[in-house]
Each structure stands twice: as C-alpha cells, then as structure tokens.
C-alpha cells in the first residue's frame, strides 16, 4: 500500500536483504498487514543472485539496490524513505502484528527511539537464555541489537549521522549515538528472530564468539577485523 505524495507515512520499514529467497516470501507476507495500515516498506538488496529480487518486487513499496553491507543498505533505505519514524527489520526477524501501533504509542509518549524484546526461534533451550540475556542487557545498558528491530524518529536518525558504515556492530554504534540524545523505549512486546546463525556453527561456540566480538569492539578493535572473525567479508551484511 502506498500513500499519496503529499501524505507522509508515519512508519517506514527498511528491510536489508542478500540471498534471502528461501524465507523472504514468508517475511514479506507478515509485513503486509502493516502496509495495509499505511506503513511504507522498502526492501534494499545488496546484490542477491538467488531470486530474492523477484520475490520482493510485488511485496514492497520500493525495491532498492545498494552496495553490499547491512549498514550501507539500511542507510540507503533510510534516504529513500518518507516516514516520520524508521523501523529497521532484519530479514530473519518477525514483528508483532501490532508493531505499528506499539511504536506509535511509544513515540506519542515521548520516545525518540526504541526497540522490542526478542525471542529466538529455535528448539535449543540455551537460546531461550540468550534471548532473555539480550533483553535484560539491552534494558540495563540502553543499547540494542538489530535483532530487536530498532525504530527511531527520522530527525534523530539524521541528527546522529545515520548508521556508521561499519562491517560489523553498526547497530551497537548507532545505539551509542542515539543514547547520547535520549534513552530508548524498551518495548516488552517481542519480535522473533531466527536461530539459524547460532545453529549453523554450534550454539555454544557462536555464543562465546559473539561475546568475544562484542568485548573486543568495546575495547576498540577494528570492526572489519571482527567481521572476518565472525565469518564473512567486510562487505557482507
């Protein structure tokens, strides 16, 4: 659903993708209820070669091409969007059906930015603890991860300079900037994110690796080097 040029949508959903054909149809289907209520959906492709573009063509208001890299793609989507509030959604994250109403309530209540609690879709019991720790840590520190579906007023996003164009930890870096101007709204409604990246290389091994990467980042390590340790090139989202 699109809005007339003179009507600015309240919410723009920005979805960066790269070779997400196996799951993208399901992801786009669950976002259509938000589009039907006036939200704008922008899919930003980083060079897919698996049919992602064809799937996205009919399910989004705009389909954009961008250099590969999650920060680059999300910034490209933000530049092309028109909404008062930007909502950044990972391709493996499912929003609550009333995400738009929850965000509007937070913004009307005075929030500048925020995020949702998260649950990890997996049968592995350890990932329930990981999700609980993510929510607790985020509420304690005021720092969110991209898995928690970060939303932010457009003017605040622009004021802090958008996502730093880092190979990894771009979500953490953005939150640190936003936290300097306002505390986040920590919504208790839950998004669901896939456990695939934990399960691919072993849950415990991945948990330990991510703890080490986060600690290294806060100690000043180069995000490009951390991205290599995480297992992909600095230009891959």
Protein backbone atom coordinates (compact mmCIF):
# COMPACT_ATOMS: atom_id res chain seq x y z
CA UNK A 1 0.00 0.00 0.00
CA UNK A 2 1.36 3.42 -0.90
CA UNK A 3 0.30 6.85 0.24
CA UNK A 4 -0.15 9.96 -1.96
CA UNK A 5 2.95 12.10 -2.37
CA UNK A 6 1.55 14.81 -0.12
CA UNK A 7 0.83 12.35 2.71
CA UNK A 8 3.87 11.36 4.68
CA UNK A 9 3.54 7.89 6.20
CA UNK A 10 4.06 7.57 9.91
CA UNK A 11 6.25 4.49 9.59
CA UNK A 12 8.82 3.31 7.07
CA UNK A 13 10.03 -0.28 7.36
CA UNK A 14 13.52 -0.83 5.96
CA UNK A 15 14.49 -4.42 5.17
CA UNK A 16 18.07 -5.15 4.01
CA UNK A 17 18.38 -8.43 2.12
CA UNK A 18 21.02 -10.60 0.49
CA UNK A 19 20.12 -14.01 -0.96
CA UNK A 20 17.06 -14.45 1.26
CA UNK A 21 14.85 -16.27 -1.27
CA UNK A 22 14.11 -19.29 1.00
CA UNK A 23 12.47 -17.14 3.69
CA UNK A 24 11.65 -13.80 2.08
CA UNK A 25 8.14 -14.68 0.91
CA UNK A 26 7.12 -15.50 4.48
CA UNK A 27 8.76 -12.35 5.79
CA UNK A 28 7.03 -10.12 3.25
CA UNK A 29 3.67 -11.79 3.85
CA UNK A 30 3.75 -10.99 7.55
CA UNK A 31 4.55 -7.34 6.81
CA UNK A 32 1.54 -6.81 4.54
CA UNK A 33 -0.78 -6.06 7.45
CA UNK A 34 1.43 -3.09 8.34
CA UNK A 35 1.44 -1.91 4.73
CA UNK A 36 -2.35 -2.17 4.69
CA UNK A 37 -2.45 0.24 7.62
CA UNK A 38 -0.27 2.78 5.83
CA UNK A 39 3.31 1.77 6.60
CA UNK A 40 5.84 2.09 3.80
CA UNK A 41 8.05 -0.96 3.08
CA UNK A 42 11.43 -0.60 1.40
CA UNK A 43 13.49 -3.68 0.52
CA UNK A 44 17.17 -2.92 -0.04
CA UNK A 45 19.09 -5.59 -1.90
CA UNK A 46 22.85 -5.95 -1.61
CA UNK A 47 23.40 -7.97 -4.79
CA UNK A 48 21.32 -11.13 -4.47
CA UNK A 49 21.71 -13.92 -7.00
CA UNK A 50 19.02 -16.36 -5.83
CA UNK A 51 15.69 -14.89 -6.88
CA UNK A 52 15.32 -12.51 -3.94
CA UNK A 53 14.62 -9.56 -6.26
CA UNK A 54 11.72 -11.29 -8.00
CA UNK A 55 10.13 -12.19 -4.68
CA UNK A 56 10.48 -8.66 -3.34
CA UNK A 57 9.09 -6.92 -6.40
CA UNK A 58 5.41 -7.42 -5.55
CA UNK A 59 5.67 -7.30 -1.77
CA UNK A 60 7.27 -3.91 -1.19
CA UNK A 61 6.54 -0.28 -1.97
CA UNK A 62 10.10 0.22 -3.18
CA UNK A 63 12.89 -2.14 -4.16
CA UNK A 64 16.34 -0.58 -4.00
CA UNK A 65 19.83 -1.67 -4.99
CA UNK A 66 22.75 -0.86 -2.73
CA UNK A 67 26.38 -1.80 -2.25
CA UNK A 68 26.58 -4.90 -0.06
CA UNK A 69 26.75 -4.32 3.68
CA UNK A 70 23.94 -4.06 6.21
CA UNK A 71 24.79 -0.51 7.31
CA UNK A 72 25.10 0.67 3.71
CA UNK A 73 21.81 -0.96 2.77
CA UNK A 74 19.88 0.39 5.75
CA UNK A 75 21.22 3.90 5.16
CA UNK A 76 20.18 3.67 1.51
CA UNK A 77 16.69 2.65 2.60
CA UNK A 78 16.51 5.49 5.09
CA UNK A 79 17.49 8.04 2.44
CA UNK A 80 14.77 6.81 0.09
CA UNK A 81 12.06 6.54 2.75
CA UNK A 82 9.41 9.11 3.62
CA UNK A 83 8.18 8.04 7.04
CA UNK A 84 8.30 10.08 10.23
CA UNK A 85 9.67 7.02 12.03
CA UNK A 86 12.13 4.47 10.61
CA UNK A 87 11.94 0.82 11.60
CA UNK A 88 14.91 -1.39 10.66
CA UNK A 89 13.97 -5.06 10.31
CA UNK A 90 16.38 -7.91 9.65
CA UNK A 91 15.32 -10.42 7.02
CA UNK A 92 15.03 -13.22 9.60
CA UNK A 93 13.04 -11.21 12.16
CA UNK A 94 9.25 -11.35 12.55
CA UNK A 95 7.43 -8.36 14.03
CA UNK A 96 4.32 -8.37 16.24
CA UNK A 97 1.21 -7.82 14.12
CA UNK A 98 0.54 -4.58 16.01
CA UNK A 99 4.14 -3.31 15.80
CA UNK A 100 2.99 -0.06 14.18
CA UNK A 101 0.54 0.72 17.00
CA UNK A 102 3.11 -0.12 19.65
CA UNK A 103 5.69 2.14 18.04
CA UNK A 104 3.18 4.96 17.62
CA UNK A 105 2.24 4.73 21.29
CA UNK A 106 5.90 4.93 22.29
CA UNK A 107 6.57 7.90 20.03
CA UNK A 108 3.42 9.76 21.11
CA UNK A 109 4.51 9.09 24.67
CA UNK A 110 7.73 10.98 24.05
CA UNK A 111 10.20 8.35 22.86
CA UNK A 112 12.86 9.33 20.33
CA UNK A 113 13.88 5.78 19.56
CA UNK A 114 13.49 2.26 20.87
CA UNK A 115 13.43 -1.46 20.30
CA UNK A 116 11.43 -4.59 21.07
CA UNK A 117 12.22 -7.50 23.32
CA UNK A 118 13.31 -10.54 21.32
CA UNK A 119 12.75 -14.26 21.31
CA UNK A 120 14.90 -16.66 19.28
CA UNK A 121 13.04 -19.19 17.15
CA UNK A 122 14.85 -22.42 17.95
CA UNK A 123 14.33 -25.70 19.79
CA UNK A 124 17.66 -25.24 21.54
CA UNK A 125 16.94 -24.40 25.18
CA UNK A 126 20.14 -22.41 25.58
CA UNK A 127 18.88 -19.85 23.08
CA UNK A 128 15.97 -19.04 25.40
CA UNK A 129 18.56 -17.92 27.93
CA UNK A 130 20.43 -15.99 25.25
CA UNK A 131 17.26 -14.07 24.33
CA UNK A 132 16.47 -13.33 27.97
CA UNK A 133 20.01 -12.03 28.48
CA UNK A 134 19.79 -9.88 25.35
CA UNK A 135 16.62 -8.25 26.63
CA UNK A 136 17.99 -7.76 30.14
CA UNK A 137 21.31 -6.37 28.92
CA UNK A 138 19.59 -4.00 26.50
CA UNK A 139 17.26 -2.68 29.19
CA UNK A 140 20.20 -2.20 31.56
CA UNK A 141 22.60 -0.54 29.11
CA UNK A 142 20.26 1.26 26.72
CA UNK A 143 21.98 -0.49 23.81
CA UNK A 144 20.02 -2.66 21.36
CA UNK A 145 20.95 -5.08 18.60
CA UNK A 146 19.48 -5.18 15.12
CA UNK A 147 17.64 -8.38 16.02
CA UNK A 148 15.45 -6.28 18.33
CA UNK A 149 14.02 -4.20 15.45
CA UNK A 150 15.32 -0.72 16.22
CA UNK A 151 12.97 2.18 15.48
CA UNK A 152 13.86 5.89 15.53
CA UNK A 153 12.41 9.25 14.65
CA UNK A 154 13.75 10.37 11.28
CA UNK A 155 15.14 13.66 12.60
CA UNK A 156 17.05 11.87 15.36
CA UNK A 157 18.47 9.31 12.91
CA UNK A 158 19.72 12.10 10.69
CA UNK A 159 20.99 14.14 13.63
CA UNK A 160 23.34 11.35 14.74
CA UNK A 161 24.61 10.73 11.23
CA UNK A 162 22.72 7.51 10.37
CA UNK A 163 24.34 4.09 10.75
CA UNK A 164 28.12 4.24 10.89
CA UNK A 165 29.26 2.36 7.80
CA UNK A 166 30.97 -0.43 9.71
CA UNK A 167 31.41 -4.05 8.66
CA UNK A 168 30.01 -5.25 12.00
CA UNK A 169 28.47 -3.70 15.14
CA UNK A 170 26.75 -0.95 13.19
CA UNK A 171 23.66 -1.42 15.37
CA UNK A 172 25.67 -1.03 18.58
CA UNK A 173 27.40 2.09 17.22
CA UNK A 174 24.07 3.67 16.22
CA UNK A 175 22.58 2.99 19.64
CA UNK A 176 25.54 4.59 21.37
CA UNK A 177 24.95 7.72 19.32
CA UNK A 178 21.21 7.73 19.96
CA UNK A 179 21.66 7.04 23.65
CA UNK A 180 23.63 10.29 23.89
CA UNK A 181 20.50 12.24 23.00
CA UNK A 182 17.73 10.10 24.54
CA UNK A 183 17.10 6.86 26.39
CA UNK A 184 15.41 4.13 24.33
CA UNK A 185 11.87 2.91 24.71
CA UNK A 186 12.33 -0.77 25.61
CA UNK A 187 9.10 -2.37 24.46
CA UNK A 188 8.21 -5.67 26.11
CA UNK A 189 6.32 -6.92 23.07
CA UNK A 190 8.53 -9.49 21.36
CA UNK A 191 9.91 -9.84 17.89
CA UNK A 192 11.03 -13.32 16.85
CA UNK A 193 14.38 -13.82 15.17
CA UNK A 194 15.75 -16.96 13.57
CA UNK A 195 18.25 -19.08 15.48
CA UNK A 196 19.97 -20.04 12.22
CA UNK A 197 23.22 -18.19 12.78
CA UNK A 198 23.68 -19.79 16.21
CA UNK A 199 22.75 -23.25 14.96
CA UNK A 200 24.88 -23.15 11.81
CA UNK A 201 28.22 -23.37 13.62
CA UNK A 202 27.06 -24.64 17.01
CA UNK A 203 25.08 -22.72 19.59
CA UNK A 204 27.63 -22.60 22.40
CA UNK A 205 30.51 -21.86 20.05
CA UNK A 206 28.59 -18.98 18.45
CA UNK A 207 27.55 -17.54 21.81
CA UNK A 208 31.16 -17.47 23.01
CA UNK A 209 32.33 -15.96 19.72
CA UNK A 210 29.73 -13.19 19.86
CA UNK A 211 30.64 -12.35 23.46
CA UNK A 212 34.28 -12.09 22.43
CA UNK A 213 33.49 -9.94 19.42
CA UNK A 214 31.34 -7.57 21.46
CA UNK A 215 34.02 -7.25 24.15
CA UNK A 216 36.68 -6.64 21.51
CA UNK A 217 34.55 -3.95 19.88
CA UNK A 218 34.07 -2.09 23.17
CA UNK A 219 37.83 -2.30 23.72
CA UNK A 220 38.44 -0.60 20.39
CA UNK A 221 39.00 -3.43 17.90
CA UNK A 222 38.57 -2.73 14.17
CA UNK A 223 35.03 -3.79 13.10
CA UNK A 224 36.38 -5.01 9.75
CA UNK A 225 38.65 -7.46 11.54
CA UNK A 226 35.82 -8.52 13.83
CA UNK A 227 33.66 -9.20 10.75
CA UNK A 228 36.31 -11.57 9.43
CA UNK A 229 36.37 -13.38 12.77
CA UNK A 230 32.57 -13.59 12.65
CA UNK A 231 32.86 -15.44 9.37
CA UNK A 232 32.12 -13.13 6.47
CA UNK A 233 33.78 -10.45 4.37
CA UNK A 234 33.64 -6.81 5.50
CA UNK A 235 31.12 -6.04 2.74
CA UNK A 236 28.62 -8.78 3.56
CA UNK A 237 25.50 -7.90 5.63
